[in-house]
Amino acid sequence: MSEAIAKAEKQTNSLSLIMGTDQNKMASELQAISNFQTMVQHQLKDGQDFGVVPGWIEVNI
């Protein structure tokens, strides 16, 4: 199979994934993710629920 045909098939498969998506369901799922992120930001505390572990040295690679 030529490279151009393979690329065209890949694009078609990608588009069919998008085209076959229920927009209302996607909007609802994105809103649920946003609600979860907001809840996490308001409920979790830096230094208590997340952050640098005491005794560990930060290494920048």
C-alpha atoms as a PDB file:
ATOM      1  CA  MET A   1       0.000   0.000   0.000  1.00  0.00           C
ATOM      2  CA  SER A   2       1.365   3.397  -0.898  1.00  0.00           C
ATOM      3  CA  GLU A   3       2.182   5.917   1.772  1.00  0.00           C
ATOM      4  CA  ALA A   4      -0.429   8.368   0.429  1.00  0.00           C
ATOM      5  CA  ILE A   5      -3.196   5.725   0.592  1.00  0.00           C
ATOM      6  CA  ALA A   6      -2.198   4.716   4.116  1.00  0.00           C
ATOM      7  CA  LYS A   7      -2.251   8.379   5.191  1.00  0.00           C
ATOM      8  CA  ALA A   8      -5.683   8.931   3.604  1.00  0.00           C
ATOM      9  CA  GLU A   9      -7.092   5.821   5.340  1.00  0.00           C
ATOM     10  CA  LYS A  10      -5.709   6.984   8.683  1.00  0.00           C
ATOM     11  CA  GLN A  11      -7.340  10.409   8.253  1.00  0.00           C
ATOM     12  CA  THR A  12     -10.646   8.767   7.272  1.00  0.00           C
ATOM     13  CA  ASN A  13     -10.554   6.564  10.385  1.00  0.00           C
ATOM     14  CA  SER A  14      -9.803   9.589  12.578  1.00  0.00           C
ATOM     15  CA  LEU A  15     -12.646  11.579  11.066  1.00  0.00           C
ATOM     16  CA  SER A  16     -15.102   8.716  11.462  1.00  0.00           C
ATOM     17  CA  LEU A  17     -14.281   8.631  15.164  1.00  0.00           C
ATOM     18  CA  ILE A  18     -15.163  12.322  15.453  1.00  0.00           C
ATOM     19  CA  MET A  19     -18.169  12.168  13.146  1.00  0.00           C
ATOM     20  CA  GLY A  20     -19.647   9.206  14.994  1.00  0.00           C
ATOM     21  CA  THR A  21     -19.603  10.985  18.349  1.00  0.00           C
ATOM     22  CA  ASP A  22     -22.797  12.180  20.003  1.00  0.00           C
ATOM     23  CA  GLN A  23     -22.113  15.871  20.627  1.00  0.00           C
ATOM     24  CA  ASN A  24     -24.519  16.091  23.569  1.00  0.00           C
ATOM     25  CA  LYS A  25     -22.881  13.111  25.254  1.00  0.00           C
ATOM     26  CA  MET A  26     -19.418  14.576  24.642  1.00  0.00           C
ATOM     27  CA  ALA A  27     -20.490  17.956  26.095  1.00  0.00           C
ATOM     28  CA  SER A  28     -21.931  16.187  29.132  1.00  0.00           C
ATOM     29  CA  GLU A  29     -18.727  14.190  29.670  1.00  0.00           C
ATOM     30  CA  LEU A  30     -16.546  17.302  29.320  1.00  0.00           C
ATOM     31  CA  GLN A  31     -18.748  19.095  31.878  1.00  0.00           C
ATOM     32  CA  ALA A  32     -18.384  16.138  34.268  1.00  0.00           C
ATOM     33  CA  ILE A  33     -14.584  16.322  33.909  1.00  0.00           C
ATOM     34  CA  SER A  34     -14.663  20.068  34.560  1.00  0.00           C
ATOM     35  CA  ASN A  35     -16.855  19.562  37.648  1.00  0.00           C
ATOM     36  CA  PHE A  36     -14.444  16.935  38.977  1.00  0.00           C
ATOM     37  CA  GLN A  37     -11.429  19.191  38.399  1.00  0.00           C
ATOM     38  CA  THR A  38     -13.149  22.060  40.206  1.00  0.00           C
ATOM     39  CA  MET A  39     -14.008  19.815  43.143  1.00  0.00           C
ATOM     40  CA  VAL A  40     -10.406  18.575  43.369  1.00  0.00           C
ATOM     41  CA  GLN A  41      -9.044  22.133  43.266  1.00  0.00           C
ATOM     42  CA  HIS A  42     -11.341  23.200  46.108  1.00  0.00           C
ATOM     43  CA  GLN A  43     -11.034  20.114  48.303  1.00  0.00           C
ATOM     44  CA  LEU A  44      -7.408  18.988  48.085  1.00  0.00           C
ATOM     45  CA  LYS A  45      -4.810  20.984  50.017  1.00  0.00           C
ATOM     46  CA  ASP A  46      -1.208  21.545  48.923  1.00  0.00           C
ATOM     47  CA  GLY A  47       1.171  20.009  51.463  1.00  0.00           C
ATOM     48  CA  GLN A  48      -1.542  17.762  52.847  1.00  0.00           C
ATOM     49  CA  ASP A  49      -3.062  15.878  49.899  1.00  0.00           C
ATOM     50  CA  PHE A  50      -0.280  16.500  47.384  1.00  0.00           C
ATOM     51  CA  GLY A  51       3.093  18.209  47.126  1.00  0.00           C
ATOM     52  CA  VAL A  52       6.734  17.509  47.795  1.00  0.00           C
ATOM     53  CA  VAL A  53       7.428  14.508  50.008  1.00  0.00           C
ATOM     54  CA  PRO A  54       9.560  15.582  53.004  1.00  0.00           C
ATOM     55  CA  GLY A  55      13.124  14.304  52.787  1.00  0.00           C
ATOM     56  CA  TRP A  56      13.140  14.037  49.005  1.00  0.00           C
ATOM     57  CA  ILE A  57      15.501  16.101  46.898  1.00  0.00           C
ATOM     58  CA  GLU A  58      14.038  17.629  43.753  1.00  0.00           C
ATOM     59  CA  VAL A  59      16.066  16.734  40.670  1.00  0.00           C
ATOM     60  CA  ASN A  60      15.648  18.584  37.403  1.00  0.00           C
ATOM     61  CA  ILE A  61      16.538  16.441  34.429  1.00  0.00           C
END
